[in-house]
Amino acid sequence: MPADATNNSGSPIGRIRPARRPFAWQAPGPPPAPPASTHHLGPRGDEDLCFLSGDWRILQRLDGHRWSLDDLATAWMAADTAAEAPPRRIVDLGCGIGSVLLMMLWRFPAATGVGVEAQEISVDLARRSIAWNGVDERCLVHHADFRDETILAREKPFDLVTGTPPYLRPGEGAESRRPQFGPCHFEHRGGLEAYCDAATRLLAPDGAFVLCAGAAQHDRMLDAAQRAGLAVARRRQVVPRDGKAALFSVYALRRAPDIAEAVDDPPLIVRDRDGHRTPDFIALRAAMGMPP
């Protein structure tokens, strides 16, 4: 696509990423259903349109926060935890550009989804991605702080709550000035405690709350869950490369009285010592509709 191409409004058109797939690989899951015209949805000059699950796509800023391993592992844990009783109602707290929310809607085509996100730039990207994939009739994103109890006060309880909290408290490092990065990495609007409190408020009695937390945050995560009346039902550590320490963990939480003992899944090792994707990681990607 020419660099100076424009859409109908005269704005520059961003990058549309081609599919990188093995020959004859067929995209699984429900196909997207974009509207007849997608000019108003993007990508704009500072954005790209990338593949996510199956043939679904997501809009991202070229210089901003992009979906990552944290989102994929959280979405996989949520999908795997809810597989036997598919959720009808899903909410993603601090949904960002909508990556986890979109993967959940792809995995559970009968579910409705709600996202809550405080950064206006991310809300716009999420809403356009949702519309591009044709699921805007069963999904909406609120531009709000999920700690505000009035935002979802009239909603029925959710079967599945997800979240990918930032890993750092303000002052624990230098914040990037790039769009979206600061609040995505630093706890500008609360950390694990705020996510657990909101999940307890929104969760159906037999629902699950799935989130990720940095490897160094494990004890803090347990404390936050306990104070919110939740308990860990399941955990999986994520190791970026064989021989390295875990980078983060993904957790499935339920209301405390329902949990007798937590289950520790075998660690997910993303790459072997030679830097190749492991069979476990390839299988996880396949489960979320991604090519090997």
Protein backbone atom coordinates (compact mmCIF):
# COMPACT_ATOMS: atom_id res chain seq x y z
CA MET A 1 0.00 0.00 0.00
CA PRO A 2 1.48 3.41 -0.94
CA ALA A 3 2.76 5.41 2.04
CA ASP A 4 0.74 8.45 0.92
CA ALA A 5 -2.57 6.58 0.47
CA THR A 6 -5.56 8.21 2.14
CA ASN A 7 -9.03 7.16 3.19
CA ASN A 8 -12.29 8.84 2.25
CA SER A 9 -11.78 11.57 4.85
CA GLY A 10 -8.35 12.44 3.45
CA SER A 11 -6.44 10.97 6.41
CA PRO A 12 -3.36 8.81 5.73
CA ILE A 13 -3.97 5.07 5.76
CA GLY A 14 -1.76 2.99 8.03
CA ARG A 15 -0.28 -0.45 7.48
CA ILE A 16 -2.32 -3.56 6.79
CA ARG A 17 -0.13 -6.47 7.83
CA PRO A 18 -0.16 -9.54 5.58
CA ALA A 19 -0.84 -12.96 7.04
CA ARG A 20 2.23 -15.03 7.96
CA ARG A 21 0.96 -18.58 7.77
CA PRO A 22 2.13 -22.02 6.64
CA PHE A 23 0.91 -23.13 3.24
CA ALA A 24 -2.62 -24.58 3.34
CA TRP A 25 -3.17 -23.56 6.99
CA GLN A 26 -6.84 -22.81 7.52
CA ALA A 27 -7.88 -20.17 10.04
CA PRO A 28 -10.07 -21.78 12.72
CA GLY A 29 -13.03 -20.32 14.57
CA PRO A 30 -15.76 -17.96 13.45
CA PRO A 31 -14.79 -15.67 10.59
CA PRO A 32 -14.89 -11.91 11.10
CA ALA A 33 -17.84 -10.03 9.68
CA PRO A 34 -16.57 -6.54 8.86
CA PRO A 35 -19.02 -3.97 7.52
CA ALA A 36 -19.23 -3.33 3.78
CA SER A 37 -17.04 -0.26 4.19
CA THR A 38 -14.16 -0.20 6.67
CA HIS A 39 -12.63 3.14 5.67
CA HIS A 40 -13.92 4.83 8.83
CA LEU A 41 -12.46 2.09 11.04
CA GLY A 42 -8.81 2.34 10.06
CA PRO A 43 -5.96 1.75 10.19
CA ARG A 44 -4.90 5.38 10.26
CA GLY A 45 -1.48 6.71 9.40
CA ASP A 46 0.10 5.92 12.78
CA GLU A 47 -1.57 2.49 13.13
CA ASP A 48 -1.47 -1.01 11.70
CA LEU A 49 -4.06 -3.76 11.32
CA CYS A 50 -2.68 -7.12 12.47
CA PHE A 51 -3.98 -10.67 12.66
CA LEU A 52 -5.04 -11.94 16.09
CA SER A 53 -7.12 -15.14 16.45
CA GLY A 54 -8.18 -16.98 13.31
CA ASP A 55 -8.93 -14.36 10.67
CA TRP A 56 -9.80 -11.75 13.27
CA ARG A 57 -7.68 -8.62 13.34
CA ILE A 58 -6.72 -5.89 15.76
CA LEU A 59 -5.73 -2.25 15.35
CA GLN A 60 -2.61 -1.02 17.13
CA ARG A 61 -0.55 2.13 17.13
CA LEU A 62 2.85 1.74 15.51
CA ASP A 63 4.46 3.73 18.34
CA GLY A 64 2.17 2.66 21.18
CA HIS A 65 1.26 -0.27 23.38
CA ARG A 66 0.74 -3.51 21.45
CA TRP A 67 -0.77 -6.84 22.40
CA SER A 68 1.77 -9.21 23.89
CA LEU A 69 2.52 -12.56 25.51
CA ASP A 70 0.77 -11.42 28.72
CA ASP A 71 -2.49 -10.94 26.81
CA LEU A 72 -2.18 -14.25 24.97
CA ALA A 73 -1.42 -16.26 28.13
CA THR A 74 -4.26 -14.58 30.03
CA ALA A 75 -6.72 -15.22 27.19
CA TRP A 76 -5.62 -18.85 26.96
CA MET A 77 -6.01 -19.42 30.70
CA ALA A 78 -9.46 -17.81 30.63
CA ALA A 79 -10.55 -19.90 27.63
CA ASP A 80 -9.17 -23.12 29.10
CA THR A 81 -10.67 -22.47 32.54
CA ALA A 82 -14.11 -21.75 31.08
CA ALA A 83 -14.07 -24.46 28.39
CA GLU A 84 -16.39 -26.88 30.19
CA ALA A 85 -18.97 -24.20 30.98
CA PRO A 86 -18.69 -21.55 28.24
CA PRO A 87 -19.41 -18.08 29.61
CA ARG A 88 -22.37 -16.07 28.40
CA ARG A 89 -21.15 -12.75 29.80
CA ILE A 90 -17.52 -11.57 29.85
CA VAL A 91 -15.94 -8.36 31.13
CA ASP A 92 -12.31 -7.30 30.68
CA LEU A 93 -11.03 -4.77 33.23
CA GLY A 94 -8.61 -2.21 31.84
CA CYS A 95 -9.14 -3.75 28.42
CA GLY A 96 -6.60 -1.56 26.62
CA ILE A 97 -6.81 -2.00 22.85
CA GLY A 98 -9.14 -4.97 23.31
CA SER A 99 -6.81 -7.91 22.62
CA VAL A 100 -7.98 -10.20 25.45
CA LEU A 101 -11.60 -9.17 24.92
CA LEU A 102 -11.43 -9.97 21.20
CA MET A 103 -9.77 -13.34 21.81
CA MET A 104 -12.55 -14.21 24.25
CA LEU A 105 -15.26 -13.24 21.77
CA TRP A 106 -13.53 -15.29 19.08
CA ARG A 107 -13.27 -18.31 21.40
CA PHE A 108 -16.84 -18.01 22.74
CA PRO A 109 -19.04 -16.87 19.83
CA ALA A 110 -22.26 -17.05 21.90
CA ALA A 111 -20.91 -14.72 24.59
CA THR A 112 -21.40 -11.00 25.00
CA GLY A 113 -18.46 -8.87 26.08
CA VAL A 114 -17.84 -5.62 27.93
CA GLY A 115 -14.56 -3.75 28.24
CA VAL A 116 -13.66 -0.91 30.59
CA GLU A 117 -10.68 1.27 29.68
CA ALA A 118 -9.51 4.67 30.94
CA GLN A 119 -7.17 5.72 28.11
CA GLU A 120 -9.13 7.41 25.33
CA ILE A 121 -6.65 6.41 22.64
CA SER A 122 -6.98 2.73 23.58
CA VAL A 123 -10.78 2.94 23.76
CA ASP A 124 -10.90 4.24 20.19
CA LEU A 125 -8.66 1.42 18.92
CA ALA A 126 -10.65 -1.23 20.79
CA ARG A 127 -14.00 0.03 19.53
CA ARG A 128 -12.84 0.14 15.92
CA SER A 129 -11.32 -3.34 16.15
CA ILE A 130 -14.57 -4.68 17.59
CA ALA A 131 -16.52 -3.06 14.74
CA TRP A 132 -14.02 -4.26 12.11
CA ASN A 133 -14.53 -7.87 13.24
CA GLY A 134 -18.29 -7.41 13.19
CA VAL A 135 -18.97 -8.10 16.86
CA ASP A 136 -20.07 -4.64 17.93
CA GLU A 137 -23.62 -5.91 18.43
CA ARG A 138 -22.43 -8.20 21.23
CA CYS A 139 -19.59 -6.14 22.67
CA LEU A 140 -19.09 -2.60 23.94
CA VAL A 141 -16.24 -0.72 25.57
CA HIS A 142 -16.80 1.89 28.28
CA HIS A 143 -14.40 4.83 28.46
CA ALA A 144 -14.05 4.83 32.23
CA ASP A 145 -12.01 3.84 35.27
CA PHE A 146 -13.18 0.37 36.34
CA ARG A 147 -12.71 1.38 40.00
CA ASP A 148 -15.79 3.60 39.59
CA GLU A 149 -18.53 1.36 40.98
CA THR A 150 -21.24 3.24 39.08
CA ILE A 151 -19.93 2.22 35.64
CA LEU A 152 -21.23 -1.36 35.62
CA ALA A 153 -23.66 -1.02 38.53
CA ARG A 154 -26.69 -1.96 36.42
CA GLU A 155 -25.02 -4.93 34.74
CA LYS A 156 -25.91 -8.49 35.62
CA PRO A 157 -23.06 -10.57 37.11
CA PHE A 158 -20.40 -11.81 34.69
CA ASP A 159 -19.47 -15.47 34.22
CA LEU A 160 -15.90 -14.55 33.32
CA VAL A 161 -13.83 -11.55 34.37
CA THR A 162 -10.36 -10.95 32.92
CA GLY A 163 -7.59 -8.43 33.52
CA THR A 164 -3.95 -7.75 32.73
CA PRO A 165 -2.81 -5.35 35.48
CA PRO A 166 0.37 -3.28 35.15
CA TYR A 167 3.39 -4.75 36.92
CA LEU A 168 5.03 -1.64 38.37
CA ARG A 169 4.14 0.92 41.01
CA PRO A 170 4.86 4.57 40.13
CA GLY A 171 8.50 5.33 40.85
CA GLU A 172 9.73 1.76 40.36
CA GLY A 173 11.19 2.68 36.99
CA ALA A 174 11.36 5.30 34.28
CA GLU A 175 8.08 5.75 32.44
CA SER A 176 8.09 5.88 28.65
CA ARG A 177 6.63 8.95 27.00
CA ARG A 178 5.29 6.89 24.11
CA PRO A 179 1.49 6.80 23.76
CA GLN A 180 -0.30 4.44 26.17
CA PHE A 181 2.89 3.02 27.71
CA GLY A 182 2.88 4.72 31.11
CA PRO A 183 -0.54 3.54 32.36
CA CYS A 184 -0.07 0.13 30.71
CA HIS A 185 3.09 -0.58 32.70
CA PHE A 186 2.62 1.51 35.87
CA GLU A 187 -0.23 1.46 38.37
CA HIS A 188 -1.71 4.87 37.61
CA ARG A 189 -5.21 3.59 38.43
CA GLY A 190 -4.58 0.77 40.86
CA GLY A 191 -2.90 -2.61 40.68
CA LEU A 192 -3.77 -6.14 41.70
CA GLU A 193 -5.85 -4.99 44.67
CA ALA A 194 -8.10 -2.79 42.52
CA TYR A 195 -8.56 -5.55 39.95
CA CYS A 196 -9.49 -8.14 42.60
CA ASP A 197 -11.92 -5.75 44.30
CA ALA A 198 -13.66 -4.99 41.00
CA ALA A 199 -13.78 -8.67 40.04
CA THR A 200 -15.48 -9.58 43.33
CA ARG A 201 -18.08 -6.90 42.71
CA LEU A 202 -18.84 -8.10 39.17
CA LEU A 203 -18.37 -11.86 39.33
CA ALA A 204 -21.25 -14.35 39.20
CA PRO A 205 -21.33 -16.76 42.16
CA ASP A 206 -19.77 -19.59 40.13
CA GLY A 207 -17.73 -17.36 37.82
CA ALA A 208 -13.97 -17.19 37.31
CA PHE A 209 -11.58 -14.25 37.39
CA VAL A 210 -8.45 -14.68 35.27
CA LEU A 211 -5.51 -12.28 35.43
CA CYS A 212 -1.74 -12.10 35.13
CA ALA A 213 0.82 -10.85 37.64
CA GLY A 214 4.57 -10.40 37.56
CA ALA A 215 6.66 -13.23 38.99
CA ALA A 216 7.72 -11.02 41.91
CA GLN A 217 4.08 -10.18 42.71
CA HIS A 218 2.93 -13.67 43.74
CA ASP A 219 2.60 -13.00 47.49
CA ARG A 220 0.96 -9.66 46.84
CA MET A 221 -1.48 -11.34 44.45
CA LEU A 222 -2.45 -13.90 47.10
CA ASP A 223 -3.01 -11.13 49.67
CA ALA A 224 -5.10 -9.08 47.23
CA ALA A 225 -7.24 -12.08 46.39
CA GLN A 226 -7.78 -13.02 50.03
CA ARG A 227 -8.83 -9.50 51.00
CA ALA A 228 -11.32 -9.50 48.12
CA GLY A 229 -12.82 -12.85 49.15
CA LEU A 230 -11.18 -14.75 46.29
CA ALA A 231 -8.79 -17.69 46.16
CA VAL A 232 -6.46 -19.10 43.52
CA ALA A 233 -7.95 -22.14 41.81
CA ARG A 234 -5.18 -22.47 39.26
CA ARG A 235 -1.84 -20.95 38.34
CA ARG A 236 0.58 -21.28 35.45
CA GLN A 237 4.01 -19.67 35.41
CA VAL A 238 5.29 -18.34 32.09
CA VAL A 239 9.00 -18.77 31.34
CA PRO A 240 10.30 -16.81 28.32
CA ARG A 241 13.13 -19.24 27.56
CA ASP A 242 14.24 -22.61 28.91
CA GLY A 243 16.72 -22.09 31.74
CA LYS A 244 15.42 -18.60 32.59
CA ALA A 245 13.33 -17.57 35.57
CA ALA A 246 9.56 -17.16 35.22
CA LEU A 247 8.53 -13.77 33.84
CA PHE A 248 4.94 -13.74 35.09
CA SER A 249 2.09 -16.06 36.05
CA VAL A 250 -1.51 -16.34 34.96
CA TYR A 251 -4.11 -17.13 37.63
CA ALA A 252 -7.68 -18.37 37.70
CA LEU A 253 -9.49 -17.18 40.84
CA ARG A 254 -12.90 -18.05 42.23
CA ARG A 255 -14.80 -17.10 45.33
CA ALA A 256 -12.84 -18.40 48.32
CA PRO A 257 -15.35 -20.91 49.80
CA ASP A 258 -15.46 -22.75 46.46
CA ILE A 259 -11.72 -23.55 46.39
CA ALA A 260 -10.27 -26.45 48.35
CA GLU A 261 -6.75 -26.42 46.92
CA ALA A 262 -5.00 -24.55 44.13
CA VAL A 263 -3.73 -26.44 41.10
CA ASP A 264 -0.31 -25.56 39.68
CA ASP A 265 -0.12 -26.21 35.93
CA PRO A 266 3.29 -27.15 34.52
CA PRO A 267 5.19 -23.96 33.61
CA LEU A 268 4.73 -22.69 30.08
CA ILE A 269 8.20 -22.44 28.51
CA VAL A 270 7.84 -20.20 25.48
CA ARG A 271 11.17 -20.92 23.75
CA ASP A 272 13.75 -23.66 24.12
CA ARG A 273 17.44 -23.02 24.73
CA ASP A 274 18.01 -22.53 21.01
CA GLY A 275 15.32 -19.87 20.82
CA HIS A 276 12.70 -21.97 19.02
CA ARG A 277 9.07 -22.05 20.07
CA THR A 278 8.34 -25.04 22.27
CA PRO A 279 5.61 -27.61 21.48
CA ASP A 280 3.64 -26.34 24.51
CA PHE A 281 3.70 -22.77 23.24
CA ILE A 282 2.79 -23.85 19.71
CA ALA A 283 -0.16 -25.77 21.17
CA LEU A 284 -1.24 -22.73 23.20
CA ARG A 285 -1.13 -20.54 20.10
CA ALA A 286 -3.14 -23.12 18.15
CA ALA A 287 -5.77 -23.19 20.88
CA MET A 288 -6.17 -19.42 20.42
CA GLY A 289 -6.44 -19.66 16.63
CA MET A 290 -2.88 -18.72 15.72
CA PRO A 291 -0.71 -20.46 13.13
CA PRO A 292 2.36 -22.48 14.13
